[in-house]
Each structure stands twice: as C-alpha cells, then as structure tokens.
Amino acid sequence: MPGARVASGEQVTLRTVEQEDVPFLQRAAANPELRYPLGNSPKNREQFEIPKEDDGTDRFLVCLDGDDAGPGSPDEDDVRRIGGMTVRDADWRRPELGYWLIPEVHGEGYATEMVSLVVDYVFRTYDHPAVGAGVYAFNDASRGLLESLGFEEEGRIRRDRFVDGEYMDNIRYGLLREDWCDRIE
C-alpha cells in the first residue's frame, strides 16, 4: 500500500514510496511511452529496489486519493498511483527534480500541481537558493510546464544522452527561491 501523505493539493497527493510500490514503478519505467522520453533503460524489480540507506534522494509517489484515504498508509482501494517524483542531491548541492506521470493521465493538470508541491517541499525543507530540472529538448510539454512555474532556461548540454535511437540535448532549468516565493505570495 502507498505510504504516508507528505503533501496534498486539490487533485494529487504526494506519498512516501514504499517497497510495495516497486511493481508499479518498475512497470511504468518499462513502458516505452515513458522509458524512451526519460532516457531510461529497462530494469527488473531487483534493480528497482528502494535503497535501504539514505542515498540523498527524496522519492514521492504521486497519487489520486479517494475520499477515504487517510494521511497514514491508506488501503490499496483508496488511492490510484499515477506517477513519481524525485528530489536528488538536496543534501549537498542544488536539488534536482525528476518527474513523470503514466500516459493515461497526461494533459489532466496533475503535473503542474505535483511539481508545485515538490518545489514547495524543497524550499521548506532545504536551505538552497534554487532548484533545478533537466528536460530533453524534444519534450515540449515538460519544458512548458517548467516555464509556466517560473523556471528559466539556464543552459543546454548538447548530445547528453542516447534516447530512442538518437542523441538528445538536455536543457537545464532553474528556479530561484525568491522568484518562487514572489509567485506564491
């Protein structure tokens, strides 16, 4: 069952990732509609295990909670898993966001809310002046999402990764703490 609620918005809830979530995460990561745009290679469940020691990454399960889903570990029937988010490296440098949603819910507005919730989480939890994210140049939806939230393009890593048969540029985005705070006040 999904873990404890970390944050909730109007539509989505961020919950802790638990061992029981690994099959969902592994199936999603193996899905070509996600795997190719994210530039990931397929992994089996053992390779996908949640680290037992703190590896400096905060992991969130993105869920749609039913009316009966409580803040603790809810019943399986009370939540629907729809995606994942990570915050990497926050314990020693500028935090980097990673995010994805299952294809069935693309275009529903969930991504804007989940990224906003995590940006709030980062700036409330860590003392860093900015948060960053990387997006492949072909991913117009993700670029538009970040830009709509106030992220600014900071650079481009040319031919960063081999994705779906060709080399892709990675566009680096950043959002300053004060810019985020100005937007939400």
Protein backbone atom coordinates (compact mmCIF):
# COMPACT_ATOMS: atom_id res chain seq x y z
CA MET A 1 0.00 0.00 0.00
CA PRO A 2 1.19 3.55 -0.64
CA GLY A 3 2.98 5.28 2.20
CA ALA A 4 2.24 8.28 4.34
CA ARG A 5 0.97 11.52 2.85
CA VAL A 6 3.70 14.14 2.51
CA ALA A 7 1.70 16.87 0.77
CA SER A 8 -1.69 17.28 -0.87
CA GLY A 9 -3.05 19.62 -3.47
CA GLU A 10 -6.52 19.95 -4.94
CA GLN A 11 -6.01 16.93 -7.21
CA VAL A 12 -2.89 14.98 -6.29
CA THR A 13 -1.24 13.68 -3.16
CA LEU A 14 2.47 13.04 -2.69
CA ARG A 15 3.13 9.95 -0.59
CA THR A 16 6.28 8.20 0.52
CA VAL A 17 7.43 5.40 -1.77
CA GLU A 18 7.22 2.00 -0.11
CA GLN A 19 8.53 -1.40 -1.13
CA GLU A 20 5.00 -2.37 -2.20
CA ASP A 21 5.12 0.39 -4.85
CA VAL A 22 8.08 -1.15 -6.69
CA PRO A 23 5.94 -3.21 -9.11
CA PHE A 24 4.05 -0.06 -10.20
CA LEU A 25 7.28 1.92 -10.56
CA GLN A 26 9.01 -0.86 -12.48
CA ARG A 27 6.08 -1.37 -14.89
CA ALA A 28 5.87 2.36 -15.53
CA ALA A 29 9.62 2.65 -16.12
CA ALA A 30 9.50 -0.25 -18.59
CA ASN A 31 6.65 1.35 -20.57
CA PRO A 32 8.15 2.58 -23.87
CA GLU A 33 5.92 5.70 -23.73
CA LEU A 34 7.82 6.72 -20.58
CA ARG A 35 11.12 4.91 -20.90
CA TYR A 36 12.17 6.46 -24.21
CA PRO A 37 11.31 10.09 -23.34
CA LEU A 38 13.04 9.72 -19.95
CA GLY A 39 16.09 8.09 -21.49
CA ASN A 40 15.95 5.11 -19.12
CA SER A 41 16.96 1.54 -19.79
CA PRO A 42 14.59 -1.20 -18.63
CA LYS A 43 15.19 -2.65 -15.17
CA ASN A 44 13.86 -5.70 -13.40
CA ARG A 45 12.32 -5.41 -9.92
CA GLU A 46 15.57 -6.26 -8.13
CA GLN A 47 17.33 -3.40 -9.91
CA PHE A 48 14.44 -1.13 -8.99
CA GLU A 49 14.53 -1.76 -5.25
CA ILE A 50 14.27 1.21 -2.93
CA PRO A 51 17.65 1.88 -1.28
CA LYS A 52 17.76 0.80 2.35
CA GLU A 53 20.24 3.55 3.21
CA ASP A 54 19.78 7.26 2.62
CA ASP A 55 21.19 7.95 -0.83
CA GLY A 56 20.38 11.67 -0.84
CA THR A 57 17.23 11.27 -2.94
CA ASP A 58 13.73 12.08 -1.74
CA ARG A 59 11.20 9.86 -3.54
CA PHE A 60 7.50 10.55 -3.87
CA LEU A 61 4.65 8.52 -5.24
CA VAL A 62 2.09 10.72 -6.99
CA CYS A 63 -1.44 9.54 -6.21
CA LEU A 64 -5.06 10.40 -6.70
CA ASP A 65 -6.59 9.85 -3.28
CA GLY A 66 -10.15 8.72 -2.77
CA ASP A 67 -12.35 10.23 -0.09
CA ASP A 68 -11.42 7.51 2.42
CA ALA A 69 -7.64 7.79 2.02
CA GLY A 70 -6.14 8.93 5.29
CA PRO A 71 -2.78 10.58 5.96
CA GLY A 72 -1.11 7.32 7.00
CA SER A 73 -0.83 4.22 4.87
CA PRO A 74 -4.23 4.03 3.15
CA ASP A 75 -5.95 0.94 1.85
CA GLU A 76 -4.97 -0.07 -1.66
CA ASP A 77 -8.50 0.71 -2.93
CA ASP A 78 -8.39 4.30 -1.64
CA VAL A 79 -5.57 5.56 -3.88
CA ARG A 80 -4.56 5.41 -7.52
CA ARG A 81 -0.85 5.61 -8.31
CA ILE A 82 -0.24 7.89 -11.30
CA GLY A 83 3.41 8.88 -11.21
CA GLY A 84 6.63 9.55 -9.42
CA MET A 85 8.87 12.44 -8.40
CA THR A 86 12.39 12.63 -7.10
CA VAL A 87 14.49 15.32 -5.50
CA ARG A 88 18.15 14.42 -5.95
CA ASP A 89 21.27 15.81 -4.27
CA ALA A 90 19.47 18.21 -1.90
CA ASP A 91 21.75 17.27 0.97
CA TRP A 92 24.88 18.67 -0.68
CA ARG A 93 24.08 20.87 -3.67
CA ARG A 94 21.22 22.41 -5.64
CA PRO A 95 18.30 19.97 -5.62
CA GLU A 96 17.37 18.46 -9.00
CA LEU A 97 13.80 17.42 -9.77
CA GLY A 98 12.77 14.39 -11.77
CA TYR A 99 9.16 13.61 -12.55
CA TRP A 100 6.81 11.54 -14.69
CA LEU A 101 3.17 10.54 -14.97
CA ILE A 102 1.62 7.48 -16.54
CA PRO A 103 0.48 8.28 -20.11
CA GLU A 104 -3.22 7.74 -19.30
CA VAL A 105 -3.29 10.93 -17.19
CA HIS A 106 -1.22 13.26 -19.38
CA GLY A 107 -2.95 16.57 -20.05
CA GLU A 108 -5.11 16.48 -16.90
CA GLY A 109 -3.19 19.19 -14.99
CA TYR A 110 -1.67 16.80 -12.48
CA ALA A 111 1.94 17.57 -13.44
CA THR A 112 1.65 21.27 -12.65
CA GLU A 113 0.29 20.53 -9.21
CA MET A 114 2.77 17.77 -8.36
CA VAL A 115 5.80 19.82 -9.39
CA SER A 116 4.45 22.82 -7.45
CA LEU A 117 4.00 20.67 -4.35
CA VAL A 118 7.57 19.39 -4.60
CA VAL A 119 9.04 22.87 -5.17
CA ASP A 120 7.21 23.99 -2.00
CA TYR A 121 8.56 20.92 -0.20
CA VAL A 122 12.15 21.63 -1.31
CA PHE A 123 12.13 25.27 -0.28
CA ARG A 124 10.55 24.44 3.10
CA THR A 125 12.88 21.52 3.79
CA TYR A 126 16.27 22.53 2.39
CA ASP A 127 18.28 25.72 2.66
CA HIS A 128 19.18 26.12 -1.02
CA PRO A 129 18.78 29.25 -3.13
CA ALA A 130 17.41 27.38 -6.14
CA VAL A 131 16.03 24.14 -7.53
CA GLY A 132 16.78 22.70 -10.96
CA ALA A 133 15.45 20.27 -13.52
CA GLY A 134 16.64 18.85 -16.82
CA VAL A 135 14.42 18.23 -19.83
CA TYR A 136 15.22 16.70 -23.20
CA ALA A 137 14.89 19.23 -25.98
CA PHE A 138 12.09 17.31 -27.72
CA ASN A 139 9.86 17.30 -24.60
CA ASP A 140 7.84 20.45 -25.26
CA ALA A 141 5.20 19.57 -22.64
CA SER A 142 7.76 19.32 -19.84
CA ARG A 143 9.56 22.46 -20.96
CA GLY A 144 6.25 24.33 -21.00
CA LEU A 145 5.38 23.01 -17.54
CA LEU A 146 8.64 24.24 -16.02
CA GLU A 147 8.42 27.61 -17.74
CA SER A 148 4.80 28.06 -16.57
CA LEU A 149 6.02 27.61 -12.99
CA GLY A 150 8.73 30.25 -13.34
CA PHE A 151 11.72 28.05 -14.14
CA GLU A 152 14.19 29.68 -16.51
CA GLU A 153 16.41 28.01 -19.05
CA GLU A 154 19.98 28.09 -17.79
CA GLY A 155 21.84 26.06 -20.36
CA ARG A 156 21.99 23.16 -22.74
CA ILE A 157 24.05 20.01 -22.61
CA ARG A 158 24.43 19.01 -26.23
CA ARG A 159 24.03 15.35 -27.14
CA ASP A 160 23.66 14.47 -23.47
CA ARG A 161 22.06 11.06 -23.86
CA PHE A 162 21.21 8.46 -26.48
CA VAL A 163 17.39 8.26 -26.43
CA ASP A 164 15.22 6.19 -28.74
CA GLY A 165 17.88 5.82 -31.41
CA GLU A 166 19.47 9.28 -31.44
CA TYR A 167 21.44 11.71 -29.31
CA MET A 168 19.37 14.28 -27.43
CA ASP A 169 20.21 17.65 -25.94
CA ASN A 170 19.33 18.18 -22.28
CA ILE A 171 18.03 21.63 -21.43
CA ARG A 172 18.79 22.72 -17.87
CA TYR A 173 16.24 24.80 -15.98
CA GLY A 174 16.46 26.60 -12.65
CA LEU A 175 14.09 28.35 -10.29
CA LEU A 176 15.33 30.75 -7.63
CA ARG A 177 13.80 30.62 -4.16
CA GLU A 178 12.89 34.31 -4.21
CA ASP A 179 11.20 34.01 -7.60
CA TRP A 180 9.08 31.12 -6.32
CA CYS A 181 8.20 32.94 -3.11
CA ASP A 182 7.18 36.04 -5.12
CA ARG A 183 4.86 33.90 -7.27
CA ILE A 184 3.00 32.30 -4.38
CA GLU A 185 2.55 35.43 -2.23
